[in-house]
């Protein structure tokens, strides 16, 4: 399945008080609305975003749903990217030679 990266920034810094509960609610919402999504990793990060999630989804429509759900769960800003596994990227490079 394709891999996607979701970077989010909280809309309210006070949401850190109940972060575990908010995170669990978000994952439950995703599992309910987009059941085929498979989580690879979740990181709290430094920089312009608060969190990065790496997940697999069947297509960009499912990834968009995850992004939209993050907004309903407290993200003020969400940005999504597709990712290509490095060995697959190297095969793409080989095809260009």
PDB file of N, CA and C in Angstrom:
ATOM      1  N   UNK A   1       0.842  -1.188   0.000  1.00  0.00           N
ATOM      2  CA  UNK A   1       0.000   0.000   0.000  1.00  0.00           C
ATOM      3  C   UNK A   1       0.883   1.245   0.000  1.00  0.00           C
ATOM      4  N   UNK A   2       0.402   2.317  -0.596  1.00  0.00           N
ATOM      5  CA  UNK A   2       1.159   3.568  -0.582  1.00  0.00           C
ATOM      6  C   UNK A   2       1.344   4.101   0.845  1.00  0.00           C
ATOM      7  N   UNK A   3       2.449   4.800   1.045  1.00  0.00           N
ATOM      8  CA  UNK A   3       2.768   5.389   2.342  1.00  0.00           C
ATOM      9  C   UNK A   3       2.518   6.891   2.279  1.00  0.00           C
ATOM     10  N   UNK A   4       1.947   7.417   3.353  1.00  0.00           N
ATOM     11  CA  UNK A   4       1.669   8.843   3.453  1.00  0.00           C
ATOM     12  C   UNK A   4       2.222   9.388   4.764  1.00  0.00           C
ATOM     13  N   UNK A   5       2.553  10.661   4.743  1.00  0.00           N
ATOM     14  CA  UNK A   5       3.037  11.353   5.936  1.00  0.00           C
ATOM     15  C   UNK A   5       2.085  12.512   6.202  1.00  0.00           C
ATOM     16  N   UNK A   6       1.659  12.627   7.437  1.00  0.00           N
ATOM     17  CA  UNK A   6       0.760  13.701   7.852  1.00  0.00           C
ATOM     18  C   UNK A   6       1.454  14.528   8.926  1.00  0.00           C
ATOM     19  N   UNK A   7       1.655  15.807   8.640  1.00  0.00           N
ATOM     20  CA  UNK A   7       2.237  16.734   9.616  1.00  0.00           C
ATOM     21  C   UNK A   7       1.109  17.611  10.145  1.00  0.00           C
ATOM     22  N   UNK A   8       0.997  17.720  11.472  1.00  0.00           N
ATOM     23  CA  UNK A   8      -0.084  18.513  12.059  1.00  0.00           C
ATOM     24  C   UNK A   8       0.439  19.472  13.120  1.00  0.00           C
ATOM     25  N   UNK A   9      -0.287  20.551  13.260  1.00  0.00           N
ATOM     26  CA  UNK A   9      -0.020  21.548  14.296  1.00  0.00           C
ATOM     27  C   UNK A   9      -1.308  21.719  15.094  1.00  0.00           C
ATOM     28  N   UNK A  10      -1.199  21.668  16.421  1.00  0.00           N
ATOM     29  CA  UNK A  10      -2.390  21.807  17.265  1.00  0.00           C
ATOM     30  C   UNK A  10      -2.972  23.201  17.167  1.00  0.00           C
ATOM     31  N   UNK A  11      -4.287  23.287  17.198  1.00  0.00           N
ATOM     32  CA  UNK A  11      -4.923  24.599  17.171  1.00  0.00           C
ATOM     33  C   UNK A  11      -4.903  25.267  18.527  1.00  0.00           C
ATOM     34  N   UNK A  12      -4.836  24.458  19.570  1.00  0.00           N
ATOM     35  CA  UNK A  12      -4.859  24.997  20.916  1.00  0.00           C
ATOM     36  C   UNK A  12      -3.749  24.322  21.724  1.00  0.00           C
ATOM     37  N   UNK A  13      -2.702  25.060  22.071  1.00  0.00           N
ATOM     38  CA  UNK A  13      -1.612  24.437  22.838  1.00  0.00           C
ATOM     39  C   UNK A  13      -2.073  23.792  24.140  1.00  0.00           C
ATOM     40  N   UNK A  14      -3.231  24.191  24.656  1.00  0.00           N
ATOM     41  CA  UNK A  14      -3.743  23.588  25.891  1.00  0.00           C
ATOM     42  C   UNK A  14      -4.179  22.137  25.695  1.00  0.00           C
ATOM     43  N   UNK A  15      -4.283  21.711  24.446  1.00  0.00           N
ATOM     44  CA  UNK A  15      -4.670  20.323  24.189  1.00  0.00           C
ATOM     45  C   UNK A  15      -3.610  19.333  24.663  1.00  0.00           C
ATOM     46  N   UNK A  16      -2.437  19.813  25.033  1.00  0.00           N
ATOM     47  CA  UNK A  16      -1.402  18.891  25.514  1.00  0.00           C
ATOM     48  C   UNK A  16      -1.781  18.281  26.857  1.00  0.00           C
ATOM     49  N   UNK A  17      -2.664  18.936  27.610  1.00  0.00           N
ATOM     50  CA  UNK A  17      -3.057  18.424  28.926  1.00  0.00           C
ATOM     51  C   UNK A  17      -3.698  17.044  28.844  1.00  0.00           C
ATOM     52  N   UNK A  18      -4.511  16.826  27.849  1.00  0.00           N
ATOM     53  CA  UNK A  18      -5.197  15.540  27.674  1.00  0.00           C
ATOM     54  C   UNK A  18      -4.772  14.891  26.359  1.00  0.00           C
ATOM     55  N   UNK A  19      -3.511  15.036  26.023  1.00  0.00           N
ATOM     56  CA  UNK A  19      -3.021  14.596  24.718  1.00  0.00           C
ATOM     57  C   UNK A  19      -3.266  13.109  24.471  1.00  0.00           C
ATOM     58  N   UNK A  20      -3.035  12.267  25.471  1.00  0.00           N
ATOM     59  CA  UNK A  20      -3.216  10.831  25.277  1.00  0.00           C
ATOM     60  C   UNK A  20      -4.662  10.521  24.886  1.00  0.00           C
ATOM     61  N   UNK A  21      -5.612  11.123  25.603  1.00  0.00           N
ATOM     62  CA  UNK A  21      -7.026  10.888  25.306  1.00  0.00           C
ATOM     63  C   UNK A  21      -7.390  11.418  23.915  1.00  0.00           C
ATOM     64  N   UNK A  22      -6.885  12.610  23.570  1.00  0.00           N
ATOM     65  CA  UNK A  22      -7.167  13.175  22.237  1.00  0.00           C
ATOM     66  C   UNK A  22      -6.602  12.274  21.139  1.00  0.00           C
ATOM     67  N   UNK A  23      -5.390  11.776  21.360  1.00  0.00           N
ATOM     68  CA  UNK A  23      -4.769  10.886  20.382  1.00  0.00           C
ATOM     69  C   UNK A  23      -5.548   9.590  20.212  1.00  0.00           C
ATOM     70  N   UNK A  24      -5.992   9.025  21.311  1.00  0.00           N
ATOM     71  CA  UNK A  24      -6.765   7.784  21.252  1.00  0.00           C
ATOM     72  C   UNK A  24      -8.105   8.003  20.546  1.00  0.00           C
ATOM     73  N   UNK A  25      -8.733   9.155  20.793  1.00  0.00           N
ATOM     74  CA  UNK A  25      -9.996   9.480  20.116  1.00  0.00           C
ATOM     75  C   UNK A  25      -9.779   9.627  18.614  1.00  0.00           C
ATOM     76  N   UNK A  26      -8.673  10.268  18.233  1.00  0.00           N
ATOM     77  CA  UNK A  26      -8.359  10.440  16.815  1.00  0.00           C
ATOM     78  C   UNK A  26      -8.157   9.077  16.144  1.00  0.00           C
ATOM     79  N   UNK A  27      -7.371   8.209  16.758  1.00  0.00           N
ATOM     80  CA  UNK A  27      -7.126   6.891  16.172  1.00  0.00           C
ATOM     81  C   UNK A  27      -8.419   6.078  16.059  1.00  0.00           C
ATOM     82  N   UNK A  28      -9.295   6.196  17.060  1.00  0.00           N
ATOM     83  CA  UNK A  28     -10.585   5.502  17.015  1.00  0.00           C
ATOM     84  C   UNK A  28     -11.438   6.039  15.868  1.00  0.00           C
ATOM     85  N   UNK A  29     -11.425   7.343  15.690  1.00  0.00           N
ATOM     86  CA  UNK A  29     -12.171   7.981  14.603  1.00  0.00           C
ATOM     87  C   UNK A  29     -11.657   7.513  13.245  1.00  0.00           C
ATOM     88  N   UNK A  30     -10.336   7.477  13.088  1.00  0.00           N
ATOM     89  CA  UNK A  30      -9.751   7.013  11.823  1.00  0.00           C
ATOM     90  C   UNK A  30     -10.119   5.551  11.585  1.00  0.00           C
ATOM     91  N   UNK A  31      -9.998   4.721  12.614  1.00  0.00           N
ATOM     92  CA  UNK A  31     -10.316   3.301  12.464  1.00  0.00           C
ATOM     93  C   UNK A  31     -11.782   3.102  12.060  1.00  0.00           C
ATOM     94  N   UNK A  32     -12.655   3.945  12.584  1.00  0.00           N
ATOM     95  CA  UNK A  32     -14.078   3.857  12.262  1.00  0.00           C
ATOM     96  C   UNK A  32     -14.375   4.345  10.846  1.00  0.00           C
ATOM     97  N   UNK A  33     -13.781   5.472  10.455  1.00  0.00           N
ATOM     98  CA  UNK A  33     -14.102   6.110   9.169  1.00  0.00           C
ATOM     99  C   UNK A  33     -13.252   5.615   8.006  1.00  0.00           C
ATOM    100  N   UNK A  34     -12.012   5.183   8.293  1.00  0.00           N
ATOM    101  CA  UNK A  34     -11.099   4.734   7.242  1.00  0.00           C
ATOM    102  C   UNK A  34     -10.403   3.457   7.747  1.00  0.00           C
ATOM    103  N   UNK A  35     -11.134   2.357   7.831  1.00  0.00           N
ATOM    104  CA  UNK A  35     -10.617   1.165   8.505  1.00  0.00           C
ATOM    105  C   UNK A  35      -9.398   0.518   7.849  1.00  0.00           C
ATOM    106  N   UNK A  36      -9.140   0.770   6.583  1.00  0.00           N
ATOM    107  CA  UNK A  36      -8.016   0.130   5.904  1.00  0.00           C
ATOM    108  C   UNK A  36      -6.682   0.822   6.142  1.00  0.00           C
ATOM    109  N   UNK A  37      -6.684   1.944   6.851  1.00  0.00           N
ATOM    110  CA  UNK A  37      -5.439   2.656   7.138  1.00  0.00           C
ATOM    111  C   UNK A  37      -4.638   1.873   8.172  1.00  0.00           C
ATOM    112  N   UNK A  38      -3.341   1.793   7.924  1.00  0.00           N
ATOM    113  CA  UNK A  38      -2.446   1.085   8.837  1.00  0.00           C
ATOM    114  C   UNK A  38      -1.361   2.050   9.310  1.00  0.00           C
ATOM    115  N   UNK A  39      -1.290   2.247  10.632  1.00  0.00           N
ATOM    116  CA  UNK A  39      -0.317   3.195  11.209  1.00  0.00           C
ATOM    117  C   UNK A  39       1.068   2.581  11.230  1.00  0.00           C
ATOM    118  N   UNK A  40       2.072   3.332  10.796  1.00  0.00           N
ATOM    119  CA  UNK A  40       3.466   2.898  10.857  1.00  0.00           C
ATOM    120  C   UNK A  40       4.167   3.558  12.040  1.00  0.00           C
ATOM    121  N   UNK A  41       3.945   4.873  12.211  1.00  0.00           N
ATOM    122  CA  UNK A  41       4.626   5.591  13.295  1.00  0.00           C
ATOM    123  C   UNK A  41       3.901   6.886  13.614  1.00  0.00           C
ATOM    124  N   UNK A  42       4.116   7.352  14.836  1.00  0.00           N
ATOM    125  CA  UNK A  42       3.586   8.643  15.297  1.00  0.00           C
ATOM    126  C   UNK A  42       4.683   9.293  16.134  1.00  0.00           C
ATOM    127  N   UNK A  43       5.053  10.519  15.772  1.00  0.00           N
ATOM    128  CA  UNK A  43       6.123  11.228  16.478  1.00  0.00           C
ATOM    129  C   UNK A  43       5.678  12.630  16.872  1.00  0.00           C
ATOM    130  N   UNK A  44       6.043  13.047  18.061  1.00  0.00           N
ATOM    131  CA  UNK A  44       5.972  14.460  18.443  1.00  0.00           C
ATOM    132  C   UNK A  44       7.294  15.046  17.963  1.00  0.00           C
ATOM    133  N   UNK A  45       7.241  16.208  17.315  1.00  0.00           N
ATOM    134  CA  UNK A  45       8.450  16.751  16.701  1.00  0.00           C
ATOM    135  C   UNK A  45       8.668  18.208  17.078  1.00  0.00           C
ATOM    136  N   UNK A  46       9.879  18.666  16.884  1.00  0.00           N
ATOM    137  CA  UNK A  46      10.232  20.076  17.045  1.00  0.00           C
ATOM    138  C   UNK A  46      10.129  20.737  15.678  1.00  0.00           C
ATOM    139  N   UNK A  47       9.879  22.025  15.652  1.00  0.00           N
ATOM    140  CA  UNK A  47       9.779  22.727  14.380  1.00  0.00           C
ATOM    141  C   UNK A  47       8.393  23.315  14.188  1.00  0.00           C
ATOM    142  N   UNK A  48       8.025  23.570  12.942  1.00  0.00           N
ATOM    143  CA  UNK A  48       6.743  24.237  12.691  1.00  0.00           C
ATOM    144  C   UNK A  48       5.516  23.359  12.940  1.00  0.00           C
ATOM    145  N   UNK A  49       5.704  22.049  13.048  1.00  0.00           N
ATOM    146  CA  UNK A  49       4.598  21.133  13.312  1.00  0.00           C
ATOM    147  C   UNK A  49       4.760  20.522  14.695  1.00  0.00           C
ATOM    148  N   UNK A  50       3.668  20.030  15.251  1.00  0.00           N
ATOM    149  CA  UNK A  50       3.704  19.374  16.553  1.00  0.00           C
ATOM    150  C   UNK A  50       3.849  17.852  16.442  1.00  0.00           C
ATOM    151  N   UNK A  51       3.265  17.283  15.385  1.00  0.00           N
ATOM    152  CA  UNK A  51       3.270  15.825  15.225  1.00  0.00           C
ATOM    153  C   UNK A  51       3.475  15.442  13.770  1.00  0.00           C
ATOM    154  N   UNK A  52       4.038  14.245  13.596  1.00  0.00           N
ATOM    155  CA  UNK A  52       4.145  13.622  12.270  1.00  0.00           C
ATOM    156  C   UNK A  52       3.628  12.200  12.412  1.00  0.00           C
ATOM    157  N   UNK A  53       2.752  11.830  11.505  1.00  0.00           N
ATOM    158  CA  UNK A  53       2.228  10.469  11.450  1.00  0.00           C
ATOM    159  C   UNK A  53       2.624   9.854  10.118  1.00  0.00           C
ATOM    160  N   UNK A  54       3.033   8.615  10.158  1.00  0.00           N
ATOM    161  CA  UNK A  54       3.360   7.876   8.945  1.00  0.00           C
ATOM    162  C   UNK A  54       2.402   6.693   8.900  1.00  0.00           C
ATOM    163  N   UNK A  55       1.701   6.565   7.771  1.00  0.00           N
ATOM    164  CA  UNK A  55       0.692   5.518   7.676  1.00  0.00           C
ATOM    165  C   UNK A  55       0.560   5.024   6.244  1.00  0.00           C
ATOM    166  N   UNK A  56      -0.027   3.850   6.118  1.00  0.00           N
ATOM    167  CA  UNK A  56      -0.337   3.296   4.808  1.00  0.00           C
ATOM    168  C   UNK A  56      -1.838   3.447   4.571  1.00  0.00           C
ATOM    169  N   UNK A  57      -2.174   3.781   3.339  1.00  0.00           N
ATOM    170  CA  UNK A  57      -3.577   3.878   2.927  1.00  0.00           C
ATOM    171  C   UNK A  57      -3.671   3.346   1.502  1.00  0.00           C
ATOM    172  N   UNK A  58      -4.843   2.902   1.130  1.00  0.00           N
ATOM    173  CA  UNK A  58      -5.007   2.324  -0.205  1.00  0.00           C
ATOM    174  C   UNK A  58      -4.815   3.352  -1.315  1.00  0.00           C
ATOM    175  N   UNK A  59      -5.154   4.618  -1.026  1.00  0.00           N
ATOM    176  CA  UNK A  59      -5.048   5.648  -2.067  1.00  0.00           C
ATOM    177  C   UNK A  59      -5.087   7.035  -1.431  1.00  0.00           C
ATOM    178  N   UNK A  60      -4.947   8.051  -2.274  1.00  0.00           N
ATOM    179  CA  UNK A  60      -4.907   9.432  -1.784  1.00  0.00           C
ATOM    180  C   UNK A  60      -6.248   9.885  -1.202  1.00  0.00           C
ATOM    181  N   UNK A  61      -7.324   9.256  -1.599  1.00  0.00           N
ATOM    182  CA  UNK A  61      -8.625   9.618  -1.042  1.00  0.00           C
ATOM    183  C   UNK A  61      -8.703   9.227   0.433  1.00  0.00           C
ATOM    184  N   UNK A  62      -8.221   8.042   0.749  1.00  0.00           N
ATOM    185  CA  UNK A  62      -8.190   7.621   2.149  1.00  0.00           C
ATOM    186  C   UNK A  62      -7.232   8.493   2.953  1.00  0.00           C
ATOM    187  N   UNK A  63      -6.093   8.832   2.366  1.00  0.00           N
ATOM    188  CA  UNK A  63      -5.129   9.705   3.057  1.00  0.00           C
ATOM    189  C   UNK A  63      -5.745  11.079   3.313  1.00  0.00           C
ATOM    190  N   UNK A  64      -6.519  11.577   2.363  1.00  0.00           N
ATOM    191  CA  UNK A  64      -7.183  12.863   2.549  1.00  0.00           C
ATOM    192  C   UNK A  64      -8.190  12.800   3.692  1.00  0.00           C
ATOM    193  N   UNK A  65      -8.878  11.683   3.821  1.00  0.00           N
ATOM    194  CA  UNK A  65      -9.816  11.521   4.931  1.00  0.00           C
ATOM    195  C   UNK A  65      -9.089  11.581   6.270  1.00  0.00           C
ATOM    196  N   UNK A  66      -7.924  10.936   6.350  1.00  0.00           N
ATOM    197  CA  UNK A  66      -7.138  10.971   7.589  1.00  0.00           C
ATOM    198  C   UNK A  66      -6.764  12.421   7.913  1.00  0.00           C
ATOM    199  N   UNK A  67      -6.331  13.153   6.903  1.00  0.00           N
ATOM    200  CA  UNK A  67      -5.964  14.553   7.097  1.00  0.00           C
ATOM    201  C   UNK A  67      -7.160  15.383   7.575  1.00  0.00           C
ATOM    202  N   UNK A  68      -8.303  15.187   6.941  1.00  0.00           N
ATOM    203  CA  UNK A  68      -9.509  15.923   7.340  1.00  0.00           C
ATOM    204  C   UNK A  68      -9.938  15.550   8.763  1.00  0.00           C
ATOM    205  N   UNK A  69      -9.834  14.286   9.101  1.00  0.00           N
ATOM    206  CA  UNK A  69     -10.192  13.850  10.455  1.00  0.00           C
ATOM    207  C   UNK A  69      -9.257  14.463  11.490  1.00  0.00           C
ATOM    208  N   UNK A  70      -7.992  14.654  11.130  1.00  0.00           N
ATOM    209  CA  UNK A  70      -7.060  15.287  12.077  1.00  0.00           C
ATOM    210  C   UNK A  70      -7.504  16.701  12.409  1.00  0.00           C
ATOM    211  N   UNK A  71      -8.103  17.373  11.432  1.00  0.00           N
ATOM    212  CA  UNK A  71      -8.599  18.735  11.675  1.00  0.00           C
ATOM    213  C   UNK A  71      -9.784  18.714  12.632  1.00  0.00           C
ATOM    214  N   UNK A  72     -10.650  17.711  12.513  1.00  0.00           N
ATOM    215  CA  UNK A  72     -11.799  17.631  13.424  1.00  0.00           C
ATOM    216  C   UNK A  72     -11.359  17.226  14.826  1.00  0.00           C
ATOM    217  N   UNK A  73     -10.151  16.646  14.931  1.00  0.00           N
ATOM    218  CA  UNK A  73      -9.651  16.177  16.234  1.00  0.00           C
ATOM    219  C   UNK A  73      -8.712  17.170  16.905  1.00  0.00           C
ATOM    220  N   UNK A  74      -8.635  18.391  16.391  1.00  0.00           N
ATOM    221  CA  UNK A  74      -7.853  19.409  17.085  1.00  0.00           C
ATOM    222  C   UNK A  74      -6.657  19.975  16.360  1.00  0.00           C
ATOM    223  N   UNK A  75      -6.383  19.533  15.151  1.00  0.00           N
ATOM    224  CA  UNK A  75      -5.264  20.108  14.397  1.00  0.00           C
ATOM    225  C   UNK A  75      -5.718  21.395  13.720  1.00  0.00           C
ATOM    226  N   UNK A  76      -4.954  22.458  13.902  1.00  0.00           N
ATOM    227  CA  UNK A  76      -5.263  23.722  13.237  1.00  0.00           C
ATOM    228  C   UNK A  76      -4.760  23.694  11.810  1.00  0.00           C
ATOM    229  N   UNK A  77      -3.718  22.915  11.592  1.00  0.00           N
ATOM    230  CA  UNK A  77      -3.084  22.867  10.280  1.00  0.00           C
ATOM    231  C   UNK A  77      -2.647  21.438  10.029  1.00  0.00           C
ATOM    232  N   UNK A  78      -2.899  20.944   8.839  1.00  0.00           N
ATOM    233  CA  UNK A  78      -2.485  19.599   8.471  1.00  0.00           C
ATOM    234  C   UNK A  78      -1.928  19.629   7.053  1.00  0.00           C
ATOM    235  N   UNK A  79      -0.818  18.972   6.862  1.00  0.00           N
ATOM    236  CA  UNK A  79      -0.202  18.881   5.544  1.00  0.00           C
ATOM    237  C   UNK A  79       0.159  17.421   5.292  1.00  0.00           C
ATOM    238  N   UNK A  80      -0.208  16.908   4.123  1.00  0.00           N
ATOM    239  CA  UNK A  80       0.029  15.504   3.800  1.00  0.00           C
ATOM    240  C   UNK A  80       0.981  15.379   2.618  1.00  0.00           C
ATOM    241  N   UNK A  81       1.811  14.336   2.685  1.00  0.00           N
ATOM    242  CA  UNK A  81       2.744  14.053   1.605  1.00  0.00           C
ATOM    243  C   UNK A  81       2.703  12.564   1.302  1.00  0.00           C
ATOM    244  N   UNK A  82       3.029  12.217   0.063  1.00  0.00           N
ATOM    245  CA  UNK A  82       3.227  10.805  -0.258  1.00  0.00           C
ATOM    246  C   UNK A  82       4.704  10.482  -0.047  1.00  0.00           C
ATOM    247  N   UNK A  83       4.988   9.230   0.206  1.00  0.00           N
ATOM    248  CA  UNK A  83       6.367   8.800   0.417  1.00  0.00           C
ATOM    249  C   UNK A  83       6.643   7.565  -0.433  1.00  0.00           C
ATOM    250  N   UNK A  84       7.865   7.485  -0.931  1.00  0.00           N
ATOM    251  CA  UNK A  84       8.308   6.331  -1.705  1.00  0.00           C
ATOM    252  C   UNK A  84       9.434   5.665  -0.925  1.00  0.00           C
ATOM    253  N   UNK A  85       9.312   4.368  -0.705  1.00  0.00           N
ATOM    254  CA  UNK A  85      10.370   3.649  -0.010  1.00  0.00           C
ATOM    255  C   UNK A  85      11.668   3.800  -0.807  1.00  0.00           C
ATOM    256  N   UNK A  86      12.780   3.936  -0.092  1.00  0.00           N
ATOM    257  CA  UNK A  86      14.049   4.229  -0.740  1.00  0.00           C
ATOM    258  C   UNK A  86      14.454   3.179  -1.777  1.00  0.00           C
ATOM    259  N   UNK A  87      14.319   1.881  -1.506  1.00  0.00           N
ATOM    260  CA  UNK A  87      14.662   0.893  -2.547  1.00  0.00           C
ATOM    261  C   UNK A  87      13.820   1.072  -3.821  1.00  0.00           C
ATOM    262  N   UNK A  88      12.550   1.432  -3.653  1.00  0.00           N
ATOM    263  CA  UNK A  88      11.698   1.678  -4.819  1.00  0.00           C
ATOM    264  C   UNK A  88      12.154   2.933  -5.563  1.00  0.00           C
ATOM    265  N   UNK A  89      12.591   3.941  -4.823  1.00  0.00           N
ATOM    266  CA  UNK A  89      13.119   5.149  -5.440  1.00  0.00           C
ATOM    267  C   UNK A  89      14.362   4.831  -6.272  1.00  0.00           C
ATOM    268  N   UNK A  90      15.236   3.981  -5.726  1.00  0.00           N
ATOM    269  CA  UNK A  90      16.446   3.601  -6.460  1.00  0.00           C
ATOM    270  C   UNK A  90      16.107   2.886  -7.765  1.00  0.00           C
ATOM    271  N   UNK A  91      15.046   2.079  -7.754  1.00  0.00           N
ATOM    272  CA  UNK A  91      14.609   1.426  -8.991  1.00  0.00           C
ATOM    273  C   UNK A  91      14.136   2.459 -10.008  1.00  0.00           C
ATOM    274  N   UNK A  92      13.463   3.507  -9.535  1.00  0.00           N
ATOM    275  CA  UNK A  92      13.049   4.581 -10.436  1.00  0.00           C
ATOM    276  C   UNK A  92      14.248   5.245 -11.087  1.00  0.00           C
ATOM    277  N   UNK A  93      15.283   5.476 -10.289  1.00  0.00           N
ATOM    278  CA  UNK A  93      16.507   6.098 -10.795  1.00  0.00           C
ATOM    279  C   UNK A  93      17.150   5.193 -11.846  1.00  0.00           C
ATOM    280  N   UNK A  94      17.200   3.891 -11.569  1.00  0.00           N
ATOM    281  CA  UNK A  94      17.780   2.938 -12.521  1.00  0.00           C
ATOM    282  C   UNK A  94      17.044   2.978 -13.839  1.00  0.00           C
ATOM    283  N   UNK A  95      15.723   3.123 -13.801  1.00  0.00           N
ATOM    284  CA  UNK A  95      14.922   3.169 -15.023  1.00  0.00           C
ATOM    285  C   UNK A  95      15.234   4.381 -15.875  1.00  0.00           C
ATOM    286  N   UNK A  96      15.782   5.419 -15.269  1.00  0.00           N
ATOM    287  CA  UNK A  96      16.111   6.641 -16.018  1.00  0.00           C
ATOM    288  C   UNK A  96      17.460   6.559 -16.722  1.00  0.00           C
ATOM    289  N   UNK A  97      18.274   5.590 -16.331  1.00  0.00           N
ATOM    290  CA  UNK A  97      19.615   5.483 -16.930  1.00  0.00           C
ATOM    291  C   UNK A  97      19.565   4.856 -18.299  1.00  0.00           C
TER     292      UNK A  97
END
